[in-house]
Amino acid sequence: EFGVRSGTVNLPMAVSMVKAINNAVKQTDELHQKLTSYQQQIREMVQSYPVVKINSPKDAAPQIINIGFPGVKGEVLVNAFSKQDIMVSTTS
């Protein structure tokens, strides 16, 4: 800290952090609405396939959806979705 004792507050860093947090908070509602809309679209599409099961409750976090494909191996799903540029996980 340019010869000043080590306890000197890094004011530019603190101001930058506050600005970044304020920007993130302002965008939270917009992002939540967008993710909720995406999840609703996925739910509507999946409902047309009776064998596919949605395991997530409707009020779950919008960025996470748990979908089951009974009788299909996870590796097959991961490969099939990745070919469509959709990244999925077979674990938590």
Protein backbone atom coordinates (compact mmCIF):
# COMPACT_ATOMS: atom_id res chain seq x y z
CA GLU A 1 0.00 0.00 0.00
CA PHE A 2 2.83 2.43 -0.97
CA GLY A 3 4.50 2.51 2.43
CA VAL A 4 1.27 2.97 4.37
CA ARG A 5 0.53 0.35 7.01
CA SER A 6 -1.17 -2.77 5.74
CA GLY A 7 -4.52 -1.90 7.32
CA THR A 8 -5.22 0.88 4.82
CA VAL A 9 -8.59 0.41 3.16
CA ASN A 10 -8.46 -0.04 -0.60
CA LEU A 11 -11.14 2.54 -1.37
CA PRO A 12 -11.23 2.07 -5.17
CA MET A 13 -11.74 -1.66 -4.66
CA ALA A 14 -14.55 -1.08 -2.14
CA VAL A 15 -16.33 1.38 -4.45
CA SER A 16 -15.98 -1.02 -7.39
CA MET A 17 -17.42 -3.87 -5.32
CA VAL A 18 -20.44 -1.80 -4.29
CA LYS A 19 -21.09 -0.83 -7.92
CA ALA A 20 -20.81 -4.47 -9.07
CA ILE A 21 -23.20 -5.66 -6.34
CA ASN A 22 -25.73 -2.93 -7.19
CA ASN A 23 -25.63 -3.89 -10.88
CA ALA A 24 -26.10 -7.58 -10.04
CA VAL A 25 -29.07 -6.85 -7.77
CA LYS A 26 -30.73 -4.66 -10.42
CA GLN A 27 -30.49 -7.49 -12.95
CA THR A 28 -31.77 -10.19 -10.58
CA ASP A 29 -35.49 -9.67 -11.24
CA GLU A 30 -35.03 -9.56 -15.02
CA LEU A 31 -32.92 -12.72 -14.99
CA HIS A 32 -35.41 -14.52 -12.70
CA GLN A 33 -38.27 -13.68 -15.07
CA LYS A 34 -36.29 -14.85 -18.10
CA LEU A 35 -35.32 -18.15 -16.45
CA THR A 36 -38.89 -18.72 -15.26
CA SER A 37 -40.10 -18.20 -18.83
CA TYR A 38 -37.52 -20.68 -20.18
CA GLN A 39 -38.51 -23.27 -17.61
CA GLN A 40 -42.20 -22.83 -18.46
CA GLN A 41 -41.44 -23.34 -22.15
CA ILE A 42 -39.49 -26.51 -21.36
CA ARG A 43 -42.33 -27.80 -19.17
CA GLU A 44 -44.88 -27.18 -21.93
CA MET A 45 -42.74 -28.93 -24.53
CA VAL A 46 -42.01 -31.93 -22.29
CA GLN A 47 -45.71 -32.40 -21.46
CA SER A 48 -46.32 -33.51 -25.06
CA TYR A 49 -44.17 -36.61 -24.35
CA PRO A 50 -46.11 -38.78 -21.86
CA VAL A 51 -43.15 -41.02 -20.96
CA VAL A 52 -40.94 -38.08 -19.93
CA LYS A 53 -41.36 -37.08 -16.29
CA ILE A 54 -40.75 -33.68 -14.75
CA ASN A 55 -39.54 -34.28 -11.20
CA SER A 56 -39.06 -30.63 -10.17
CA PRO A 57 -41.90 -28.90 -8.33
CA LYS A 58 -43.44 -25.95 -10.17
CA ASP A 59 -42.19 -23.50 -7.53
CA ALA A 60 -38.58 -24.75 -7.67
CA ALA A 61 -35.62 -22.55 -8.58
CA PRO A 62 -36.16 -21.48 -12.20
CA GLN A 63 -32.59 -22.21 -13.29
CA ILE A 64 -32.88 -25.90 -12.37
CA ILE A 65 -35.25 -28.50 -13.80
CA ASN A 66 -35.12 -32.21 -13.07
CA ILE A 67 -36.48 -34.30 -15.92
CA GLY A 68 -36.58 -38.10 -16.01
CA PHE A 69 -36.45 -40.27 -19.09
CA PRO A 70 -37.44 -43.72 -17.80
CA GLY A 71 -35.64 -46.56 -19.55
CA VAL A 72 -33.02 -44.36 -21.23
CA LYS A 73 -29.40 -44.50 -20.09
CA GLY A 74 -27.93 -41.23 -18.88
CA GLU A 75 -24.92 -41.46 -21.18
CA VAL A 76 -27.19 -41.71 -24.21
CA LEU A 77 -29.09 -38.59 -23.11
CA VAL A 78 -25.93 -36.60 -22.45
CA ASN A 79 -24.57 -37.44 -25.90
CA ALA A 80 -27.85 -36.76 -27.70
CA PHE A 81 -28.40 -33.41 -26.00
CA SER A 82 -24.78 -32.30 -26.41
CA LYS A 83 -25.10 -32.79 -30.18
CA GLN A 84 -27.84 -30.15 -30.02
CA ASP A 85 -25.63 -27.83 -27.90
CA ILE A 86 -27.75 -28.52 -24.81
CA MET A 87 -25.65 -29.29 -21.77
CA VAL A 88 -27.20 -31.67 -19.25
CA SER A 89 -25.98 -33.59 -16.24
CA THR A 90 -26.88 -37.03 -14.99
CA THR A 91 -25.76 -36.09 -11.47
CA SER A 92 -26.44 -33.25 -9.11
